[in-house]
PDB file of N, CA and C in Angstrom:
ATOM      1  N   MET A   1      14.069  -5.280   2.132  1.00  0.00           N
ATOM      2  CA  MET A   1      13.396  -5.831   0.961  1.00  0.00           C
ATOM      3  C   MET A   1      12.888  -4.611  -0.116  1.00  0.00           C
ATOM      4  N   LYS A   2      13.107  -4.804  -1.325  1.00  0.00           N
ATOM      5  CA  LYS A   2      12.764  -3.846  -2.335  1.00  0.00           C
ATOM      6  C   LYS A   2      11.924  -4.504  -3.253  1.00  0.00           C
ATOM      7  N   PRO A   3      10.533  -4.454  -2.962  1.00  0.00           N
ATOM      8  CA  PRO A   3       9.476  -5.096  -3.805  1.00  0.00           C
ATOM      9  C   PRO A   3       9.394  -4.544  -5.197  1.00  0.00           C
ATOM     10  N   PRO A   4       8.905  -5.331  -6.229  1.00  0.00           N
ATOM     11  CA  PRO A   4       8.767  -4.733  -7.515  1.00  0.00           C
ATOM     12  C   PRO A   4       7.785  -3.591  -7.626  1.00  0.00           C
ATOM     13  N   ILE A   5       7.966  -2.629  -8.412  1.00  0.00           N
ATOM     14  CA  ILE A   5       7.193  -1.652  -8.545  1.00  0.00           C
ATOM     15  C   ILE A   5       5.767  -2.291  -9.161  1.00  0.00           C
ATOM     16  N   GLY A   6       4.667  -1.736  -8.676  1.00  0.00           N
ATOM     17  CA  GLY A   6       3.483  -2.299  -9.036  1.00  0.00           C
ATOM     18  C   GLY A   6       2.823  -3.557  -8.248  1.00  0.00           C
ATOM     19  N   SER A   7       3.682  -3.971  -7.255  1.00  0.00           N
ATOM     20  CA  SER A   7       3.285  -4.947  -6.449  1.00  0.00           C
ATOM     21  C   SER A   7       2.582  -4.333  -5.172  1.00  0.00           C
ATOM     22  N   TYR A   8       1.977  -5.297  -4.461  1.00  0.00           N
ATOM     23  CA  TYR A   8       1.350  -4.706  -3.308  1.00  0.00           C
ATOM     24  C   TYR A   8       2.208  -5.123  -2.115  1.00  0.00           C
ATOM     25  N   ALA A   9       2.292  -4.287  -0.999  1.00  0.00           N
ATOM     26  CA  ALA A   9       3.237  -4.463   0.149  1.00  0.00           C
ATOM     27  C   ALA A   9       2.616  -3.887   1.182  1.00  0.00           C
ATOM     28  N   VAL A  10       2.924  -4.311   2.464  1.00  0.00           N
ATOM     29  CA  VAL A  10       2.496  -3.835   3.687  1.00  0.00           C
ATOM     30  C   VAL A  10       3.538  -3.159   4.473  1.00  0.00           C
ATOM     31  N   ASP A  11       3.121  -2.029   4.900  1.00  0.00           N
ATOM     32  CA  ASP A  11       4.079  -1.208   5.885  1.00  0.00           C
ATOM     33  C   ASP A  11       4.073  -1.804   7.258  1.00  0.00           C
ATOM     34  N   VAL A  12       4.965  -2.538   7.687  1.00  0.00           N
ATOM     35  CA  VAL A  12       4.681  -3.476   8.902  1.00  0.00           C
ATOM     36  C   VAL A  12       4.673  -2.520  10.037  1.00  0.00           C
ATOM     37  N   ARG A  13       5.080  -1.220   9.983  1.00  0.00           N
ATOM     38  CA  ARG A  13       5.058  -0.262  11.248  1.00  0.00           C
ATOM     39  C   ARG A  13       3.618   0.069  11.469  1.00  0.00           C
ATOM     40  N   THR A  14       2.681   0.196  10.366  1.00  0.00           N
ATOM     41  CA  THR A  14       1.372   0.684  10.485  1.00  0.00           C
ATOM     42  C   THR A  14       0.364  -0.391  10.182  1.00  0.00           C
ATOM     43  N   GLY A  15       0.632  -1.457   9.392  1.00  0.00           N
ATOM     44  CA  GLY A  15      -0.300  -2.357   8.885  1.00  0.00           C
ATOM     45  C   GLY A  15      -1.004  -1.935   7.466  1.00  0.00           C
ATOM     46  N   ARG A  16      -0.601  -0.799   7.033  1.00  0.00           N
ATOM     47  CA  ARG A  16      -1.356  -0.273   5.819  1.00  0.00           C
ATOM     48  C   ARG A  16      -0.923  -1.059   4.572  1.00  0.00           C
ATOM     49  N   VAL A  17      -1.807  -1.251   3.762  1.00  0.00           N
ATOM     50  CA  VAL A  17      -1.398  -1.942   2.528  1.00  0.00           C
ATOM     51  C   VAL A  17      -1.171  -0.890   1.492  1.00  0.00           C
ATOM     52  N   GLY A  18      -0.261  -0.958   0.624  1.00  0.00           N
ATOM     53  CA  GLY A  18      -0.145  -0.049  -0.568  1.00  0.00           C
ATOM     54  C   GLY A  18       0.508  -0.779  -1.750  1.00  0.00           C
ATOM     55  N   VAL A  19       0.465   0.093  -2.888  1.00  0.00           N
ATOM     56  CA  VAL A  19       1.096  -0.337  -4.145  1.00  0.00           C
ATOM     57  C   VAL A  19       2.542   0.315  -4.271  1.00  0.00           C
ATOM     58  N   VAL A  20       3.388  -0.566  -4.619  1.00  0.00           N
ATOM     59  CA  VAL A  20       4.741   0.040  -4.696  1.00  0.00           C
ATOM     60  C   VAL A  20       4.888   0.818  -5.871  1.00  0.00           C
ATOM     61  N   MET A  21       5.241   2.136  -5.562  1.00  0.00           N
ATOM     62  CA  MET A  21       5.238   3.266  -6.869  1.00  0.00           C
ATOM     63  C   MET A  21       6.740   3.421  -7.158  1.00  0.00           C
ATOM     64  N   GLY A  22       7.669   3.153  -6.303  1.00  0.00           N
ATOM     65  CA  GLY A  22       9.076   3.465  -6.711  1.00  0.00           C
ATOM     66  C   GLY A  22       9.993   3.185  -5.598  1.00  0.00           C
ATOM     67  N   HIS A  23      11.261   3.429  -5.948  1.00  0.00           N
ATOM     68  CA  HIS A  23      12.383   3.119  -4.909  1.00  0.00           C
ATOM     69  C   HIS A  23      13.155   4.413  -4.963  1.00  0.00           C
ATOM     70  N   GLU A  24      13.012   5.270  -3.802  1.00  0.00           N
ATOM     71  CA  GLU A  24      13.716   6.561  -3.778  1.00  0.00           C
ATOM     72  C   GLU A  24      14.656   6.385  -2.518  1.00  0.00           C
ATOM     73  N   SER A  25      15.978   6.024  -2.994  1.00  0.00           N
ATOM     74  CA  SER A  25      16.859   5.604  -1.970  1.00  0.00           C
ATOM     75  C   SER A  25      16.893   6.582  -0.672  1.00  0.00           C
ATOM     76  N   PRO A  26      16.796   5.849   0.470  1.00  0.00           N
ATOM     77  CA  PRO A  26      16.779   4.395   0.665  1.00  0.00           C
ATOM     78  C   PRO A  26      15.510   3.910   0.832  1.00  0.00           C
ATOM     79  N   TYR A  27      14.417   4.516   0.535  1.00  0.00           N
ATOM     80  CA  TYR A  27      12.876   4.211   0.891  1.00  0.00           C
ATOM     81  C   TYR A  27      12.241   3.506  -0.243  1.00  0.00           C
ATOM     82  N   VAL A  28      11.231   2.830   0.221  1.00  0.00           N
ATOM     83  CA  VAL A  28      10.246   2.220  -0.893  1.00  0.00           C
ATOM     84  C   VAL A  28       9.055   3.145  -0.758  1.00  0.00           C
ATOM     85  N   GLN A  29       8.455   3.619  -1.868  1.00  0.00           N
ATOM     86  CA  GLN A  29       7.470   4.678  -2.028  1.00  0.00           C
ATOM     87  C   GLN A  29       6.100   3.577  -2.155  1.00  0.00           C
ATOM     88  N   LEU A  30       5.072   3.722  -1.199  1.00  0.00           N
ATOM     89  CA  LEU A  30       3.984   3.191  -1.173  1.00  0.00           C
ATOM     90  C   LEU A  30       2.619   4.250  -1.434  1.00  0.00           C
ATOM     91  N   ARG A  31       1.651   3.802  -2.225  1.00  0.00           N
ATOM     92  CA  ARG A  31       0.571   4.517  -2.370  1.00  0.00           C
ATOM     93  C   ARG A  31      -0.734   3.739  -2.006  1.00  0.00           C
ATOM     94  N   PRO A  32      -1.599   4.316  -1.215  1.00  0.00           N
ATOM     95  CA  PRO A  32      -2.690   3.481  -0.684  1.00  0.00           C
ATOM     96  C   PRO A  32      -3.540   2.818  -1.788  1.00  0.00           C
ATOM     97  N   TYR A  33      -4.094   1.749  -1.486  1.00  0.00           N
ATOM     98  CA  TYR A  33      -5.087   1.026  -2.515  1.00  0.00           C
ATOM     99  C   TYR A  33      -6.126   2.090  -2.902  1.00  0.00           C
ATOM    100  N   GLY A  34      -6.362   2.221  -4.261  1.00  0.00           N
ATOM    101  CA  GLY A  34      -7.382   3.068  -4.695  1.00  0.00           C
ATOM    102  C   GLY A  34      -6.924   4.475  -5.000  1.00  0.00           C
ATOM    103  N   GLY A  35      -5.633   4.736  -4.571  1.00  0.00           N
ATOM    104  CA  GLY A  35      -4.995   6.210  -4.808  1.00  0.00           C
ATOM    105  C   GLY A  35      -4.797   7.014  -3.536  1.00  0.00           C
ATOM    106  N   GLY A  36      -4.340   8.059  -3.776  1.00  0.00           N
ATOM    107  CA  GLY A  36      -3.871   8.917  -2.551  1.00  0.00           C
ATOM    108  C   GLY A  36      -2.397   9.239  -2.357  1.00  0.00           C
ATOM    109  N   ARG A  37      -2.082   9.945  -1.323  1.00  0.00           N
ATOM    110  CA  ARG A  37      -0.841  10.451  -1.095  1.00  0.00           C
ATOM    111  C   ARG A  37       0.197   9.218  -0.808  1.00  0.00           C
ATOM    112  N   GLU A  38       1.308   9.218  -1.535  1.00  0.00           N
ATOM    113  CA  GLU A  38       2.330   8.224  -1.288  1.00  0.00           C
ATOM    114  C   GLU A  38       3.066   8.582   0.074  1.00  0.00           C
ATOM    115  N   TRP A  39       3.556   7.473   0.544  1.00  0.00           N
ATOM    116  CA  TRP A  39       4.480   7.603   1.778  1.00  0.00           C
ATOM    117  C   TRP A  39       5.697   6.762   1.610  1.00  0.00           C
ATOM    118  N   ASP A  40       6.678   7.025   2.521  1.00  0.00           N
ATOM    119  CA  ASP A  40       7.970   6.386   2.275  1.00  0.00           C
ATOM    120  C   ASP A  40       8.065   5.523   3.649  1.00  0.00           C
ATOM    121  N   VAL A  41       8.672   4.198   3.150  1.00  0.00           N
ATOM    122  CA  VAL A  41       9.013   3.139   4.195  1.00  0.00           C
ATOM    123  C   VAL A  41      10.396   2.728   4.083  1.00  0.00           C
ATOM    124  N   GLU A  42      11.035   2.422   5.055  1.00  0.00           N
ATOM    125  CA  GLU A  42      12.302   1.931   4.998  1.00  0.00           C
ATOM    126  C   GLU A  42      12.237   0.475   4.518  1.00  0.00           C
ATOM    127  N   PRO A  43      13.246   0.030   3.582  1.00  0.00           N
ATOM    128  CA  PRO A  43      12.909  -1.352   3.059  1.00  0.00           C
ATOM    129  C   PRO A  43      12.804  -2.545   4.048  1.00  0.00           C
ATOM    130  N   GLU A  44      13.451  -2.399   5.336  1.00  0.00           N
ATOM    131  CA  GLU A  44      13.352  -3.485   6.206  1.00  0.00           C
ATOM    132  C   GLU A  44      11.893  -3.367   6.805  1.00  0.00           C
ATOM    133  N   ALA A  45      11.107  -2.375   6.609  1.00  0.00           N
ATOM    134  CA  ALA A  45       9.725  -2.381   7.087  1.00  0.00           C
ATOM    135  C   ALA A  45       8.597  -2.597   6.341  1.00  0.00           C
ATOM    136  N   VAL A  46       9.034  -3.233   5.323  1.00  0.00           N
ATOM    137  CA  VAL A  46       8.094  -3.677   3.932  1.00  0.00           C
ATOM    138  C   VAL A  46       8.108  -5.212   3.680  1.00  0.00           C
ATOM    139  N   ARG A  47       7.030  -5.847   3.506  1.00  0.00           N
ATOM    140  CA  ARG A  47       6.821  -7.101   3.244  1.00  0.00           C
ATOM    141  C   ARG A  47       5.736  -7.272   2.156  1.00  0.00           C
ATOM    142  N   PRO A  48       5.756  -8.319   1.385  1.00  0.00           N
ATOM    143  CA  PRO A  48       4.727  -8.523   0.413  1.00  0.00           C
ATOM    144  C   PRO A  48       3.371  -8.655   1.053  1.00  0.00           C
ATOM    145  N   ALA A  49       2.250  -8.197   0.424  1.00  0.00           N
ATOM    146  CA  ALA A  49       1.030  -8.240   0.934  1.00  0.00           C
ATOM    147  C   ALA A  49       0.453  -9.728   0.616  1.00  0.00           C
ATOM    148  N   THR A  50      -0.319 -10.174   1.524  1.00  0.00           N
ATOM    149  CA  THR A  50      -1.002 -11.499   1.304  1.00  0.00           C
ATOM    150  C   THR A  50      -2.304 -11.316   0.563  1.00  0.00           C
ATOM    151  N   PRO A  51      -2.754 -12.357  -0.112  1.00  0.00           N
ATOM    152  CA  PRO A  51      -3.944 -12.072  -0.830  1.00  0.00           C
ATOM    153  C   PRO A  51      -5.030 -11.751  -0.056  1.00  0.00           C
ATOM    154  N   THR A  52      -5.114 -12.179   1.213  1.00  0.00           N
ATOM    155  CA  THR A  52      -6.252 -11.706   2.182  1.00  0.00           C
ATOM    156  C   THR A  52      -6.098  -9.986   2.428  1.00  0.00           C
ATOM    157  N   GLU A  53      -4.864  -9.628   2.574  1.00  0.00           N
ATOM    158  CA  GLU A  53      -4.586  -8.237   2.858  1.00  0.00           C
ATOM    159  C   GLU A  53      -4.953  -7.517   1.734  1.00  0.00           C
ATOM    160  N   ARG A  54      -4.704  -7.902   0.531  1.00  0.00           N
ATOM    161  CA  ARG A  54      -5.123  -7.221  -0.573  1.00  0.00           C
ATOM    162  C   ARG A  54      -6.661  -7.144  -0.828  1.00  0.00           C
ATOM    163  N   LEU A  55      -7.256  -8.241  -0.621  1.00  0.00           N
ATOM    164  CA  LEU A  55      -8.681  -8.244  -0.609  1.00  0.00           C
ATOM    165  C   LEU A  55      -9.359  -7.337   0.430  1.00  0.00           C
ATOM    166  N   ARG A  56      -8.825  -7.381   1.651  1.00  0.00           N
ATOM    167  CA  ARG A  56      -9.203  -6.436   2.750  1.00  0.00           C
ATOM    168  C   ARG A  56      -9.127  -4.942   2.414  1.00  0.00           C
ATOM    169  N   ALA A  57      -8.081  -4.656   1.645  1.00  0.00           N
ATOM    170  CA  ALA A  57      -7.653  -3.147   1.272  1.00  0.00           C
ATOM    171  C   ALA A  57      -8.706  -2.877   0.119  1.00  0.00           C
ATOM    172  N   ALA A  58      -9.002  -3.731  -0.798  1.00  0.00           N
ATOM    173  CA  ALA A  58      -9.988  -3.489  -1.775  1.00  0.00           C
ATOM    174  C   ALA A  58     -11.158  -3.323  -1.407  1.00  0.00           C
ATOM    175  N   THR A  59     -11.765  -4.064  -0.303  1.00  0.00           N
ATOM    176  CA  THR A  59     -13.010  -4.084   0.284  1.00  0.00           C
ATOM    177  C   THR A  59     -13.143  -2.731   0.988  1.00  0.00           C
ATOM    178  N   ALA A  60     -12.131  -2.396   1.774  1.00  0.00           N
ATOM    179  CA  ALA A  60     -12.380  -1.325   2.563  1.00  0.00           C
ATOM    180  C   ALA A  60     -12.471   0.078   1.537  1.00  0.00           C
ATOM    181  N   TYR A  61     -11.823   0.138   0.531  1.00  0.00           N
ATOM    182  CA  TYR A  61     -11.751   1.134  -0.468  1.00  0.00           C
ATOM    183  C   TYR A  61     -13.177   1.092  -1.115  1.00  0.00           C
ATOM    184  N   ALA A  62     -13.633   0.011  -1.589  1.00  0.00           N
ATOM    185  CA  ALA A  62     -15.146  -0.184  -2.097  1.00  0.00           C
ATOM    186  C   ALA A  62     -16.170   0.350  -1.173  1.00  0.00           C
ATOM    187  N   ASN A  63     -16.013   0.056   0.118  1.00  0.00           N
ATOM    188  CA  ASN A  63     -16.977   0.448   1.112  1.00  0.00           C
ATOM    189  C   ASN A  63     -16.919   2.089   1.287  1.00  0.00           C
ATOM    190  N   ALA A  64     -15.625   2.615   1.225  1.00  0.00           N
ATOM    191  CA  ALA A  64     -15.282   4.002   1.449  1.00  0.00           C
ATOM    192  C   ALA A  64     -16.127   4.728   0.179  1.00  0.00           C
ATOM    193  N   ARG A  65     -15.982   4.059  -1.027  1.00  0.00           N
ATOM    194  CA  ARG A  65     -16.509   4.802  -2.204  1.00  0.00           C
ATOM    195  C   ARG A  65     -18.062   4.832  -2.140  1.00  0.00           C
ATOM    196  N   SER A  66     -18.680   3.675  -1.701  1.00  0.00           N
ATOM    197  CA  SER A  66     -20.031   3.641  -1.651  1.00  0.00           C
ATOM    198  C   SER A  66     -20.711   4.456  -0.650  1.00  0.00           C
ATOM    199  N   ARG A  67     -19.913   4.994   0.305  1.00  0.00           N
ATOM    200  CA  ARG A  67     -20.408   5.938   1.276  1.00  0.00           C
ATOM    201  C   ARG A  67     -19.982   7.376   0.918  1.00  0.00           C
ATOM    202  N   GLY A  68     -19.296   7.531  -0.199  1.00  0.00           N
ATOM    203  CA  GLY A  68     -19.076   8.747  -0.711  1.00  0.00           C
ATOM    204  C   GLY A  68     -17.781   9.370  -0.123  1.00  0.00           C
ATOM    205  N   GLU A  69     -17.044   8.640   0.671  1.00  0.00           N
ATOM    206  CA  GLU A  69     -15.764   9.182   1.382  1.00  0.00           C
ATOM    207  C   GLU A  69     -14.671   9.385   0.427  1.00  0.00           C
ATOM    208  N   VAL A  70     -14.516   8.779  -0.785  1.00  0.00           N
ATOM    209  CA  VAL A  70     -13.519   9.025  -1.685  1.00  0.00           C
ATOM    210  C   VAL A  70     -14.196   9.374  -3.033  1.00  0.00           C
ATOM    211  N   PRO A  71     -13.568  10.077  -3.900  1.00  0.00           N
ATOM    212  CA  PRO A  71     -14.076  10.412  -5.315  1.00  0.00           C
ATOM    213  C   PRO A  71     -14.072   9.177  -6.280  1.00  0.00           C
TER     214      PRO A  71
END
């Protein structure tokens, strides 16, 4: 699966939610919610994120910010 750039996807190998930043053959490039270092995932290991997964990622990021763990 090659999800659209800007959409949210899950790396099924790790369970991490990321924003699709690009497609660099043969990989899908994901960036963590809230920013950070991109990582490459094989297209067969990516699926669209559910609304619940997106909310969970946003909440984790907000909590980390409130604790001063991210800029």
